[in-house]
Amino acid sequence: MAFWVYILKCADGKFYTGQTDDLERRMGEHQYGGYCDFTSRRRPVEQVWSEYYQTRGDAIEVEKQVKSWSRAKKIGSINGDWKMVSHYSRPPLKRPSTSLGTNGGGHDATEAWRADRS
């Protein structure tokens, strides 16, 4: 049996992270509303990322980890931008400065999200 961890983008732009053993059913519940207060108030929702795991325990651990990530790190993961994920995995004071654009390799998460969704 497969267990899924997923990220939804809600109508208001917020992300929701969850896990399930039936991804199709769970997506229907989120779209229908009434099963999750958070997404029910922010419909429609769009599934933007998912991965499957062999055990429920693995899925629960990954769900907890992803929920703790910053928005920028989630966007990097959704886009498959591992350089961005790595950048936002570091504590803010240990990241290269990108304010002047002189270090290269920095990321503007909002611009990356907009560019990818255009």
PDB file of N, CA and C in Angstrom:
ATOM      1  N   MET A   1       0.839  -1.186   0.000  1.00  0.00           N
ATOM      2  CA  MET A   1       0.000   0.000   0.000  1.00  0.00           C
ATOM      3  C   MET A   1       0.877   1.241   0.000  1.00  0.00           C
ATOM      4  N   ALA A   2       0.492   2.236  -0.770  1.00  0.00           N
ATOM      5  CA  ALA A   2       1.233   3.496  -0.829  1.00  0.00           C
ATOM      6  C   ALA A   2       0.585   4.532   0.089  1.00  0.00           C
ATOM      7  N   PHE A   3       1.405   5.367   0.640  1.00  0.00           N
ATOM      8  CA  PHE A   3       0.962   6.481   1.467  1.00  0.00           C
ATOM      9  C   PHE A   3       1.538   7.748   0.847  1.00  0.00           C
ATOM     10  N   TRP A   4       0.732   8.767   0.766  1.00  0.00           N
ATOM     11  CA  TRP A   4       1.094   9.990   0.068  1.00  0.00           C
ATOM     12  C   TRP A   4       1.246  11.172   1.013  1.00  0.00           C
ATOM     13  N   VAL A   5       2.230  12.013   0.723  1.00  0.00           N
ATOM     14  CA  VAL A   5       2.356  13.327   1.340  1.00  0.00           C
ATOM     15  C   VAL A   5       2.124  14.309   0.195  1.00  0.00           C
ATOM     16  N   TYR A   6       1.352  15.361   0.451  1.00  0.00           N
ATOM     17  CA  TYR A   6       0.995  16.282  -0.623  1.00  0.00           C
ATOM     18  C   TYR A   6       0.961  17.717  -0.120  1.00  0.00           C
ATOM     19  N   ILE A   7       1.108  18.634  -1.073  1.00  0.00           N
ATOM     20  CA  ILE A   7       0.959  20.061  -0.793  1.00  0.00           C
ATOM     21  C   ILE A   7      -0.125  20.584  -1.727  1.00  0.00           C
ATOM     22  N   LEU A   8      -1.058  21.333  -1.147  1.00  0.00           N
ATOM     23  CA  LEU A   8      -2.097  22.001  -1.920  1.00  0.00           C
ATOM     24  C   LEU A   8      -1.832  23.498  -1.897  1.00  0.00           C
ATOM     25  N   LYS A   9      -2.133  24.163  -3.001  1.00  0.00           N
ATOM     26  CA  LYS A   9      -2.141  25.622  -3.030  1.00  0.00           C
ATOM     27  C   LYS A   9      -3.603  26.030  -2.982  1.00  0.00           C
ATOM     28  N   CYS A  10      -3.951  26.806  -1.977  1.00  0.00           N
ATOM     29  CA  CYS A  10      -5.331  27.239  -1.783  1.00  0.00           C
ATOM     30  C   CYS A  10      -5.616  28.498  -2.601  1.00  0.00           C
ATOM     31  N   ALA A  11      -6.895  28.815  -2.747  1.00  0.00           N
ATOM     32  CA  ALA A  11      -7.322  29.971  -3.540  1.00  0.00           C
ATOM     33  C   ALA A  11      -6.716  31.276  -3.030  1.00  0.00           C
ATOM     34  N   ASP A  12      -6.420  31.356  -1.733  1.00  0.00           N
ATOM     35  CA  ASP A  12      -5.827  32.579  -1.180  1.00  0.00           C
ATOM     36  C   ASP A  12      -4.302  32.573  -1.235  1.00  0.00           C
ATOM     37  N   GLY A  13      -3.718  31.540  -1.878  1.00  0.00           N
ATOM     38  CA  GLY A  13      -2.266  31.464  -2.030  1.00  0.00           C
ATOM     39  C   GLY A  13      -1.547  30.721  -0.926  1.00  0.00           C
ATOM     40  N   LYS A  14      -2.248  30.365   0.134  1.00  0.00           N
ATOM     41  CA  LYS A  14      -1.615  29.631   1.230  1.00  0.00           C
ATOM     42  C   LYS A  14      -1.436  28.171   0.835  1.00  0.00           C
ATOM     43  N   PHE A  15      -0.474  27.518   1.488  1.00  0.00           N
ATOM     44  CA  PHE A  15      -0.224  26.103   1.254  1.00  0.00           C
ATOM     45  C   PHE A  15      -0.798  25.269   2.385  1.00  0.00           C
ATOM     46  N   TYR A  16      -1.246  24.073   2.039  1.00  0.00           N
ATOM     47  CA  TYR A  16      -1.707  23.084   3.010  1.00  0.00           C
ATOM     48  C   TYR A  16      -0.935  21.802   2.736  1.00  0.00           C
ATOM     49  N   THR A  17      -0.385  21.194   3.776  1.00  0.00           N
ATOM     50  CA  THR A  17       0.353  19.938   3.650  1.00  0.00           C
ATOM     51  C   THR A  17      -0.390  18.853   4.402  1.00  0.00           C
ATOM     52  N   GLY A  18      -0.524  17.693   3.782  1.00  0.00           N
ATOM     53  CA  GLY A  18      -1.211  16.578   4.423  1.00  0.00           C
ATOM     54  C   GLY A  18      -0.641  15.246   3.969  1.00  0.00           C
ATOM     55  N   GLN A  19      -1.206  14.159   4.513  1.00  0.00           N
ATOM     56  CA  GLN A  19      -0.819  12.816   4.109  1.00  0.00           C
ATOM     57  C   GLN A  19      -2.063  11.947   4.089  1.00  0.00           C
ATOM     58  N   THR A  20      -2.047  10.924   3.233  1.00  0.00           N
ATOM     59  CA  THR A  20      -3.206  10.055   3.069  1.00  0.00           C
ATOM     60  C   THR A  20      -2.777   8.729   2.462  1.00  0.00           C
ATOM     61  N   ASP A  21      -3.665   7.743   2.545  1.00  0.00           N
ATOM     62  CA  ASP A  21      -3.419   6.476   1.858  1.00  0.00           C
ATOM     63  C   ASP A  21      -4.258   6.375   0.579  1.00  0.00           C
ATOM     64  N   ASP A  22      -5.063   7.404   0.288  1.00  0.00           N
ATOM     65  CA  ASP A  22      -5.878   7.424  -0.935  1.00  0.00           C
ATOM     66  C   ASP A  22      -5.896   8.870  -1.450  1.00  0.00           C
ATOM     67  N   LEU A  23      -4.933   9.186  -2.302  1.00  0.00           N
ATOM     68  CA  LEU A  23      -4.739  10.562  -2.746  1.00  0.00           C
ATOM     69  C   LEU A  23      -5.947  11.093  -3.522  1.00  0.00           C
ATOM     70  N   GLU A  24      -6.489  10.301  -4.417  1.00  0.00           N
ATOM     71  CA  GLU A  24      -7.623  10.748  -5.222  1.00  0.00           C
ATOM     72  C   GLU A  24      -8.842  11.072  -4.348  1.00  0.00           C
ATOM     73  N   ARG A  25      -9.148  10.200  -3.401  1.00  0.00           N
ATOM     74  CA  ARG A  25     -10.274  10.438  -2.495  1.00  0.00           C
ATOM     75  C   ARG A  25     -10.038  11.699  -1.669  1.00  0.00           C
ATOM     76  N   ARG A  26      -8.819  11.835  -1.154  1.00  0.00           N
ATOM     77  CA  ARG A  26      -8.513  12.976  -0.289  1.00  0.00           C
ATOM     78  C   ARG A  26      -8.584  14.297  -1.055  1.00  0.00           C
ATOM     79  N   MET A  27      -8.131  14.305  -2.309  1.00  0.00           N
ATOM     80  CA  MET A  27      -8.229  15.524  -3.110  1.00  0.00           C
ATOM     81  C   MET A  27      -9.699  15.894  -3.329  1.00  0.00           C
ATOM     82  N   GLY A  28     -10.541  14.891  -3.562  1.00  0.00           N
ATOM     83  CA  GLY A  28     -11.972  15.138  -3.704  1.00  0.00           C
ATOM     84  C   GLY A  28     -12.570  15.730  -2.438  1.00  0.00           C
ATOM     85  N   GLU A  29     -12.148  15.228  -1.292  1.00  0.00           N
ATOM     86  CA  GLU A  29     -12.640  15.764  -0.015  1.00  0.00           C
ATOM     87  C   GLU A  29     -12.238  17.229   0.152  1.00  0.00           C
ATOM     88  N   HIS A  30     -10.985  17.543  -0.195  1.00  0.00           N
ATOM     89  CA  HIS A  30     -10.545  18.941  -0.087  1.00  0.00           C
ATOM     90  C   HIS A  30     -11.344  19.838  -1.032  1.00  0.00           C
ATOM     91  N   GLN A  31     -11.616  19.369  -2.249  1.00  0.00           N
ATOM     92  CA  GLN A  31     -12.360  20.182  -3.206  1.00  0.00           C
ATOM     93  C   GLN A  31     -13.822  20.341  -2.800  1.00  0.00           C
ATOM     94  N   TYR A  32     -14.407  19.284  -2.256  1.00  0.00           N
ATOM     95  CA  TYR A  32     -15.814  19.310  -1.852  1.00  0.00           C
ATOM     96  C   TYR A  32     -16.020  20.192  -0.619  1.00  0.00           C
ATOM     97  N   GLY A  33     -15.066  20.124   0.309  1.00  0.00           N
ATOM     98  CA  GLY A  33     -15.160  20.902   1.544  1.00  0.00           C
ATOM     99  C   GLY A  33     -15.841  20.123   2.646  1.00  0.00           C
ATOM    100  N   GLY A  34     -15.673  20.591   3.872  1.00  0.00           N
ATOM    101  CA  GLY A  34     -16.316  19.963   5.018  1.00  0.00           C
ATOM    102  C   GLY A  34     -15.467  18.930   5.732  1.00  0.00           C
ATOM    103  N   TYR A  35     -14.362  18.512   5.117  1.00  0.00           N
ATOM    104  CA  TYR A  35     -13.502  17.495   5.730  1.00  0.00           C
ATOM    105  C   TYR A  35     -12.291  18.110   6.417  1.00  0.00           C
ATOM    106  N   CYS A  36     -11.937  19.301   6.014  1.00  0.00           N
ATOM    107  CA  CYS A  36     -10.769  20.006   6.566  1.00  0.00           C
ATOM    108  C   CYS A  36     -11.131  21.482   6.635  1.00  0.00           C
ATOM    109  N   ASP A  37     -11.198  22.025   7.827  1.00  0.00           N
ATOM    110  CA  ASP A  37     -11.612  23.409   8.007  1.00  0.00           C
ATOM    111  C   ASP A  37     -10.711  24.377   7.236  1.00  0.00           C
ATOM    112  N   PHE A  38      -9.399  24.140   7.283  1.00  0.00           N
ATOM    113  CA  PHE A  38      -8.440  25.042   6.641  1.00  0.00           C
ATOM    114  C   PHE A  38      -8.716  25.156   5.149  1.00  0.00           C
ATOM    115  N   THR A  39      -8.810  24.026   4.457  1.00  0.00           N
ATOM    116  CA  THR A  39      -9.015  24.075   3.007  1.00  0.00           C
ATOM    117  C   THR A  39     -10.469  24.387   2.641  1.00  0.00           C
ATOM    118  N   SER A  40     -11.407  24.034   3.502  1.00  0.00           N
ATOM    119  CA  SER A  40     -12.818  24.334   3.210  1.00  0.00           C
ATOM    120  C   SER A  40     -13.054  25.829   3.076  1.00  0.00           C
ATOM    121  N   ARG A  41     -12.300  26.619   3.836  1.00  0.00           N
ATOM    122  CA  ARG A  41     -12.448  28.077   3.792  1.00  0.00           C
ATOM    123  C   ARG A  41     -11.608  28.728   2.698  1.00  0.00           C
ATOM    124  N   ARG A  42     -10.835  27.906   1.955  1.00  0.00           N
ATOM    125  CA  ARG A  42      -9.897  28.458   0.968  1.00  0.00           C
ATOM    126  C   ARG A  42     -10.013  27.775  -0.397  1.00  0.00           C
ATOM    127  N   ARG A  43     -11.194  27.282  -0.723  1.00  0.00           N
ATOM    128  CA  ARG A  43     -11.390  26.597  -1.998  1.00  0.00           C
ATOM    129  C   ARG A  43     -11.541  27.603  -3.134  1.00  0.00           C
ATOM    130  N   PRO A  44     -11.210  27.170  -4.334  1.00  0.00           N
ATOM    131  CA  PRO A  44     -10.733  25.839  -4.700  1.00  0.00           C
ATOM    132  C   PRO A  44      -9.257  25.660  -4.345  1.00  0.00           C
ATOM    133  N   VAL A  45      -8.846  24.420  -4.272  1.00  0.00           N
ATOM    134  CA  VAL A  45      -7.451  24.086  -3.992  1.00  0.00           C
ATOM    135  C   VAL A  45      -6.863  23.375  -5.207  1.00  0.00           C
ATOM    136  N   GLU A  46      -5.546  23.466  -5.315  1.00  0.00           N
ATOM    137  CA  GLU A  46      -4.834  22.826  -6.414  1.00  0.00           C
ATOM    138  C   GLU A  46      -3.702  21.990  -5.825  1.00  0.00           C
ATOM    139  N   GLN A  47      -3.632  20.730  -6.204  1.00  0.00           N
ATOM    140  CA  GLN A  47      -2.519  19.891  -5.765  1.00  0.00           C
ATOM    141  C   GLN A  47      -1.289  20.312  -6.557  1.00  0.00           C
ATOM    142  N   VAL A  48      -0.227  20.730  -5.834  1.00  0.00           N
ATOM    143  CA  VAL A  48       0.972  21.212  -6.520  1.00  0.00           C
ATOM    144  C   VAL A  48       2.180  20.307  -6.306  1.00  0.00           C
ATOM    145  N   TRP A  49       2.081  19.350  -5.389  1.00  0.00           N
ATOM    146  CA  TRP A  49       3.204  18.450  -5.122  1.00  0.00           C
ATOM    147  C   TRP A  49       2.690  17.226  -4.388  1.00  0.00           C
ATOM    148  N   SER A  50       3.284  16.072  -4.694  1.00  0.00           N
ATOM    149  CA  SER A  50       2.997  14.858  -3.917  1.00  0.00           C
ATOM    150  C   SER A  50       4.121  13.854  -4.118  1.00  0.00           C
ATOM    151  N   GLU A  51       4.313  13.021  -3.115  1.00  0.00           N
ATOM    152  CA  GLU A  51       5.264  11.905  -3.166  1.00  0.00           C
ATOM    153  C   GLU A  51       4.665  10.755  -2.389  1.00  0.00           C
ATOM    154  N   TYR A  52       4.995   9.540  -2.823  1.00  0.00           N
ATOM    155  CA  TYR A  52       4.464   8.385  -2.099  1.00  0.00           C
ATOM    156  C   TYR A  52       5.568   7.723  -1.268  1.00  0.00           C
ATOM    157  N   TYR A  53       5.122   7.018  -0.224  1.00  0.00           N
ATOM    158  CA  TYR A  53       6.011   6.338   0.715  1.00  0.00           C
ATOM    159  C   TYR A  53       5.454   4.952   0.995  1.00  0.00           C
ATOM    160  N   GLN A  54       6.323   4.064   1.382  1.00  0.00           N
ATOM    161  CA  GLN A  54       5.946   2.671   1.614  1.00  0.00           C
ATOM    162  C   GLN A  54       5.146   2.461   2.898  1.00  0.00           C
ATOM    163  N   THR A  55       5.399   3.294   3.906  1.00  0.00           N
ATOM    164  CA  THR A  55       4.706   3.098   5.192  1.00  0.00           C
ATOM    165  C   THR A  55       4.038   4.396   5.636  1.00  0.00           C
ATOM    166  N   ARG A  56       2.988   4.257   6.431  1.00  0.00           N
ATOM    167  CA  ARG A  56       2.307   5.424   6.986  1.00  0.00           C
ATOM    168  C   ARG A  56       3.260   6.204   7.893  1.00  0.00           C
ATOM    169  N   GLY A  57       4.088   5.491   8.636  1.00  0.00           N
ATOM    170  CA  GLY A  57       5.045   6.163   9.518  1.00  0.00           C
ATOM    171  C   GLY A  57       5.983   7.078   8.752  1.00  0.00           C
ATOM    172  N   ASP A  58       6.482   6.598   7.598  1.00  0.00           N
ATOM    173  CA  ASP A  58       7.352   7.436   6.769  1.00  0.00           C
ATOM    174  C   ASP A  58       6.600   8.674   6.283  1.00  0.00           C
ATOM    175  N   ALA A  59       5.367   8.487   5.829  1.00  0.00           N
ATOM    176  CA  ALA A  59       4.564   9.602   5.323  1.00  0.00           C
ATOM    177  C   ALA A  59       4.301  10.628   6.424  1.00  0.00           C
ATOM    178  N   ILE A  60       3.998  10.163   7.612  1.00  0.00           N
ATOM    179  CA  ILE A  60       3.727  11.073   8.733  1.00  0.00           C
ATOM    180  C   ILE A  60       4.982  11.875   9.076  1.00  0.00           C
ATOM    181  N   GLU A  61       6.133  11.228   9.076  1.00  0.00           N
ATOM    182  CA  GLU A  61       7.391  11.934   9.373  1.00  0.00           C
ATOM    183  C   GLU A  61       7.683  13.008   8.324  1.00  0.00           C
ATOM    184  N   VAL A  62       7.506  12.658   7.053  1.00  0.00           N
ATOM    185  CA  VAL A  62       7.750  13.627   5.984  1.00  0.00           C
ATOM    186  C   VAL A  62       6.732  14.768   6.058  1.00  0.00           C
ATOM    187  N   GLU A  63       5.468  14.438   6.329  1.00  0.00           N
ATOM    188  CA  GLU A  63       4.451  15.482   6.471  1.00  0.00           C
ATOM    189  C   GLU A  63       4.852  16.482   7.561  1.00  0.00           C
ATOM    190  N   LYS A  64       5.276  15.997   8.707  1.00  0.00           N
ATOM    191  CA  LYS A  64       5.702  16.882   9.802  1.00  0.00           C
ATOM    192  C   LYS A  64       6.867  17.759   9.362  1.00  0.00           C
ATOM    193  N   GLN A  65       7.817  17.158   8.647  1.00  0.00           N
ATOM    194  CA  GLN A  65       8.983  17.901   8.193  1.00  0.00           C
ATOM    195  C   GLN A  65       8.580  19.000   7.209  1.00  0.00           C
ATOM    196  N   VAL A  66       7.775  18.649   6.206  1.00  0.00           N
ATOM    197  CA  VAL A  66       7.370  19.615   5.185  1.00  0.00           C
ATOM    198  C   VAL A  66       6.542  20.739   5.807  1.00  0.00           C
ATOM    199  N   LYS A  67       5.666  20.408   6.754  1.00  0.00           N
ATOM    200  CA  LYS A  67       4.851  21.442   7.412  1.00  0.00           C
ATOM    201  C   LYS A  67       5.715  22.490   8.099  1.00  0.00           C
ATOM    202  N   SER A  68       6.896  22.097   8.560  1.00  0.00           N
ATOM    203  CA  SER A  68       7.762  23.028   9.276  1.00  0.00           C
ATOM    204  C   SER A  68       8.587  23.911   8.335  1.00  0.00           C
ATOM    205  N   TRP A  69       8.587  23.587   7.048  1.00  0.00           N
ATOM    206  CA  TRP A  69       9.381  24.359   6.092  1.00  0.00           C
ATOM    207  C   TRP A  69       8.807  25.751   5.872  1.00  0.00           C
ATOM    208  N   SER A  70       9.685  26.668   5.502  1.00  0.00           N
ATOM    209  CA  SER A  70       9.244  28.014   5.121  1.00  0.00           C
ATOM    210  C   SER A  70       8.499  27.939   3.798  1.00  0.00           C
ATOM    211  N   ARG A  71       7.748  28.978   3.511  1.00  0.00           N
ATOM    212  CA  ARG A  71       7.045  29.062   2.231  1.00  0.00           C
ATOM    213  C   ARG A  71       8.038  28.971   1.069  1.00  0.00           C
ATOM    214  N   ALA A  72       9.172  29.677   1.196  1.00  0.00           N
ATOM    215  CA  ALA A  72      10.178  29.676   0.129  1.00  0.00           C
ATOM    216  C   ALA A  72      10.726  28.277  -0.127  1.00  0.00           C
ATOM    217  N   LYS A  73      10.960  27.542   0.920  1.00  0.00           N
ATOM    218  CA  LYS A  73      11.490  26.182   0.767  1.00  0.00           C
ATOM    219  C   LYS A  73      10.441  25.272   0.115  1.00  0.00           C
ATOM    220  N   LYS A  74       9.175  25.446   0.480  1.00  0.00           N
ATOM    221  CA  LYS A  74       8.102  24.664  -0.157  1.00  0.00           C
ATOM    222  C   LYS A  74       8.025  24.992  -1.645  1.00  0.00           C
ATOM    223  N   ILE A  75       8.126  26.269  -1.993  1.00  0.00           N
ATOM    224  CA  ILE A  75       8.083  26.670  -3.397  1.00  0.00           C
ATOM    225  C   ILE A  75       9.241  26.037  -4.160  1.00  0.00           C
ATOM    226  N   GLY A  76      10.418  26.035  -3.567  1.00  0.00           N
ATOM    227  CA  GLY A  76      11.562  25.395  -4.212  1.00  0.00           C
ATOM    228  C   GLY A  76      11.317  23.921  -4.457  1.00  0.00           C
ATOM    229  N   SER A  77      10.748  23.244  -3.482  1.00  0.00           N
ATOM    230  CA  SER A  77      10.450  21.818  -3.624  1.00  0.00           C
ATOM    231  C   SER A  77       9.385  21.585  -4.696  1.00  0.00           C
ATOM    232  N   ILE A  78       8.343  22.381  -4.685  1.00  0.00           N
ATOM    233  CA  ILE A  78       7.274  22.260  -5.682  1.00  0.00           C
ATOM    234  C   ILE A  78       7.847  22.423  -7.085  1.00  0.00           C
ATOM    235  N   ASN A  79       8.754  23.374  -7.249  1.00  0.00           N
ATOM    236  CA  ASN A  79       9.349  23.660  -8.555  1.00  0.00           C
ATOM    237  C   ASN A  79      10.497  22.714  -8.907  1.00  0.00           C
ATOM    238  N   GLY A  80      10.891  21.851  -7.966  1.00  0.00           N
ATOM    239  CA  GLY A  80      12.028  20.971  -8.215  1.00  0.00           C
ATOM    240  C   GLY A  80      13.349  21.728  -8.266  1.00  0.00           C
ATOM    241  N   ASP A  81      13.405  22.887  -7.615  1.00  0.00           N
ATOM    242  CA  ASP A  81      14.596  23.734  -7.595  1.00  0.00           C
ATOM    243  C   ASP A  81      15.399  23.410  -6.338  1.00  0.00           C
ATOM    244  N   TRP A  82      16.276  22.422  -6.441  1.00  0.00           N
ATOM    245  CA  TRP A  82      17.004  21.945  -5.259  1.00  0.00           C
ATOM    246  C   TRP A  82      18.022  22.960  -4.773  1.00  0.00           C
ATOM    247  N   LYS A  83      18.484  23.838  -5.667  1.00  0.00           N
ATOM    248  CA  LYS A  83      19.379  24.916  -5.245  1.00  0.00           C
ATOM    249  C   LYS A  83      18.630  25.867  -4.308  1.00  0.00           C
ATOM    250  N   MET A  84      17.393  26.156  -4.655  1.00  0.00           N
ATOM    251  CA  MET A  84      16.556  27.024  -3.815  1.00  0.00           C
ATOM    252  C   MET A  84      16.237  26.339  -2.483  1.00  0.00           C
ATOM    253  N   VAL A  85      15.904  25.059  -2.527  1.00  0.00           N
ATOM    254  CA  VAL A  85      15.623  24.304  -1.288  1.00  0.00           C
ATOM    255  C   VAL A  85      16.848  24.351  -0.385  1.00  0.00           C
ATOM    256  N   SER A  86      18.030  24.118  -0.962  1.00  0.00           N
ATOM    257  CA  SER A  86      19.269  24.153  -0.182  1.00  0.00           C
ATOM    258  C   SER A  86      19.504  25.537   0.418  1.00  0.00           C
ATOM    259  N   HIS A  87      19.270  26.574  -0.392  1.00  0.00           N
ATOM    260  CA  HIS A  87      19.461  27.951   0.077  1.00  0.00           C
ATOM    261  C   HIS A  87      18.584  28.230   1.302  1.00  0.00           C
ATOM    262  N   TYR A  88      17.302  27.872   1.219  1.00  0.00           N
ATOM    263  CA  TYR A  88      16.376  28.164   2.312  1.00  0.00           C
ATOM    264  C   TYR A  88      16.424  27.142   3.441  1.00  0.00           C
ATOM    265  N   SER A  89      17.259  26.117   3.287  1.00  0.00           N
ATOM    266  CA  SER A  89      17.466  25.168   4.374  1.00  0.00           C
ATOM    267  C   SER A  89      18.444  25.727   5.405  1.00  0.00           C
ATOM    268  N   ARG A  90      19.252  26.694   4.976  1.00  0.00           N
ATOM    269  CA  ARG A  90      20.214  27.309   5.887  1.00  0.00           C
ATOM    270  C   ARG A  90      19.520  28.362   6.746  1.00  0.00           C
ATOM    271  N   PRO A  91      20.004  28.556   7.970  1.00  0.00           N
ATOM    272  CA  PRO A  91      19.449  29.639   8.794  1.00  0.00           C
ATOM    273  C   PRO A  91      19.656  30.977   8.081  1.00  0.00           C
ATOM    274  N   PRO A  92      18.734  31.924   8.238  1.00  0.00           N
ATOM    275  CA  PRO A  92      18.817  33.203   7.525  1.00  0.00           C
ATOM    276  C   PRO A  92      20.176  33.901   7.613  1.00  0.00           C
ATOM    277  N   LEU A  93      20.815  33.875   8.760  1.00  0.00           N
ATOM    278  CA  LEU A  93      22.098  34.568   8.900  1.00  0.00           C
ATOM    279  C   LEU A  93      23.249  33.825   8.226  1.00  0.00           C
ATOM    280  N   LYS A  94      23.027  32.579   7.819  1.00  0.00           N
ATOM    281  CA  LYS A  94      24.084  31.800   7.163  1.00  0.00           C
ATOM    282  C   LYS A  94      23.892  31.722   5.654  1.00  0.00           C
ATOM    283  N   ARG A  95      22.874  32.390   5.129  1.00  0.00           N
ATOM    284  CA  ARG A  95      22.635  32.412   3.688  1.00  0.00           C
ATOM    285  C   ARG A  95      23.462  33.524   3.053  1.00  0.00           C
ATOM    286  N   PRO A  96      23.918  33.313   1.810  1.00  0.00           N
ATOM    287  CA  PRO A  96      24.604  34.412   1.118  1.00  0.00           C
ATOM    288  C   PRO A  96      23.647  35.586   0.954  1.00  0.00           C
ATOM    289  N   SER A  97      24.167  36.784   1.059  1.00  0.00           N
ATOM    290  CA  SER A  97      23.349  37.979   0.867  1.00  0.00           C
ATOM    291  C   SER A  97      22.948  38.093  -0.589  1.00  0.00           C
ATOM    292  N   THR A  98      21.685  38.387  -0.814  1.00  0.00           N
ATOM    293  CA  THR A  98      21.206  38.569  -2.187  1.00  0.00           C
ATOM    294  C   THR A  98      20.601  39.953  -2.383  1.00  0.00           C
ATOM    295  N   SER A  99      20.707  40.805  -1.372  1.00  0.00           N
ATOM    296  CA  SER A  99      20.041  42.110  -1.456  1.00  0.00           C
ATOM    297  C   SER A  99      20.587  42.983  -2.586  1.00  0.00           C
ATOM    298  N   LEU A 100      21.873  42.857  -2.900  1.00  0.00           N
ATOM    299  CA  LEU A 100      22.448  43.651  -3.981  1.00  0.00           C
ATOM    300  C   LEU A 100      22.617  42.835  -5.255  1.00  0.00           C
ATOM    301  N   GLY A 101      22.312  41.545  -5.175  1.00  0.00           N
ATOM    302  CA  GLY A 101      22.440  40.689  -6.338  1.00  0.00           C
ATOM    303  C   GLY A 101      23.876  40.443  -6.755  1.00  0.00           C
ATOM    304  N   THR A 102      24.821  40.614  -5.815  1.00  0.00           N
ATOM    305  CA  THR A 102      26.231  40.472  -6.168  1.00  0.00           C
ATOM    306  C   THR A 102      26.791  39.091  -5.889  1.00  0.00           C
ATOM    307  N   ASN A 103      26.094  38.276  -5.125  1.00  0.00           N
ATOM    308  CA  ASN A 103      26.616  36.958  -4.778  1.00  0.00           C
ATOM    309  C   ASN A 103      26.185  35.873  -5.751  1.00  0.00           C
ATOM    310  N   GLY A 104      25.184  36.147  -6.556  1.00  0.00           N
ATOM    311  CA  GLY A 104      24.688  35.115  -7.468  1.00  0.00           C
ATOM    312  C   GLY A 104      24.139  33.961  -6.664  1.00  0.00           C
ATOM    313  N   GLY A 105      23.309  33.171  -7.245  1.00  0.00           N
ATOM    314  CA  GLY A 105      22.809  31.981  -6.577  1.00  0.00           C
ATOM    315  C   GLY A 105      21.741  32.250  -5.543  1.00  0.00           C
ATOM    316  N   GLY A 106      21.449  33.515  -5.241  1.00  0.00           N
ATOM    317  CA  GLY A 106      20.386  33.802  -4.296  1.00  0.00           C
ATOM    318  C   GLY A 106      19.046  33.606  -4.966  1.00  0.00           C
ATOM    319  N   HIS A 107      17.997  33.551  -4.179  1.00  0.00           N
ATOM    320  CA  HIS A 107      16.685  33.307  -4.746  1.00  0.00           C
ATOM    321  C   HIS A 107      15.673  34.268  -4.190  1.00  0.00           C
ATOM    322  N   ASP A 108      14.819  34.720  -5.051  1.00  0.00           N
ATOM    323  CA  ASP A 108      13.642  35.467  -4.646  1.00  0.00           C
ATOM    324  C   ASP A 108      12.480  34.511  -4.838  1.00  0.00           C
ATOM    325  N   ALA A 109      11.976  33.973  -3.742  1.00  0.00           N
ATOM    326  CA  ALA A 109      10.950  32.927  -3.807  1.00  0.00           C
ATOM    327  C   ALA A 109       9.687  33.407  -4.499  1.00  0.00           C
ATOM    328  N   THR A 110       9.291  34.633  -4.257  1.00  0.00           N
ATOM    329  CA  THR A 110       8.068  35.130  -4.868  1.00  0.00           C
ATOM    330  C   THR A 110       8.226  35.198  -6.379  1.00  0.00           C
ATOM    331  N   GLU A 111       9.350  35.721  -6.849  1.00  0.00           N
ATOM    332  CA  GLU A 111       9.581  35.813  -8.294  1.00  0.00           C
ATOM    333  C   GLU A 111       9.693  34.423  -8.905  1.00  0.00           C
ATOM    334  N   ALA A 112      10.344  33.486  -8.230  1.00  0.00           N
ATOM    335  CA  ALA A 112      10.446  32.114  -8.752  1.00  0.00           C
ATOM    336  C   ALA A 112       9.076  31.486  -8.865  1.00  0.00           C
ATOM    337  N   TRP A 113       8.224  31.733  -7.889  1.00  0.00           N
ATOM    338  CA  TRP A 113       6.861  31.162  -7.916  1.00  0.00           C
ATOM    339  C   TRP A 113       6.081  31.770  -9.082  1.00  0.00           C
ATOM    340  N   ARG A 114       6.140  33.077  -9.226  1.00  0.00           N
ATOM    341  CA  ARG A 114       5.406  33.734 -10.313  1.00  0.00           C
ATOM    342  C   ARG A 114       5.900  33.278 -11.678  1.00  0.00           C
ATOM    343  N   ALA A 115       7.218  33.197 -11.841  1.00  0.00           N
ATOM    344  CA  ALA A 115       7.782  32.807 -13.134  1.00  0.00           C
ATOM    345  C   ALA A 115       7.371  31.405 -13.508  1.00  0.00           C
ATOM    346  N   ASP A 116       7.344  30.510 -12.530  1.00  0.00           N
ATOM    347  CA  ASP A 116       7.013  29.123 -12.811  1.00  0.00           C
ATOM    348  C   ASP A 116       5.528  28.947 -13.119  1.00  0.00           C
ATOM    349  N   ARG A 117       4.691  29.800 -12.574  1.00  0.00           N
ATOM    350  CA  ARG A 117       3.247  29.650 -12.739  1.00  0.00           C
ATOM    351  C   ARG A 117       2.687  30.471 -13.902  1.00  0.00           C
ATOM    352  N   SER A 118       3.529  31.224 -14.585  1.00  0.00           N
ATOM    353  CA  SER A 118       3.059  32.050 -15.706  1.00  0.00           C
ATOM    354  C   SER A 118       2.750  31.221 -16.916  1.00  0.00           C
TER     355      SER A 118
END
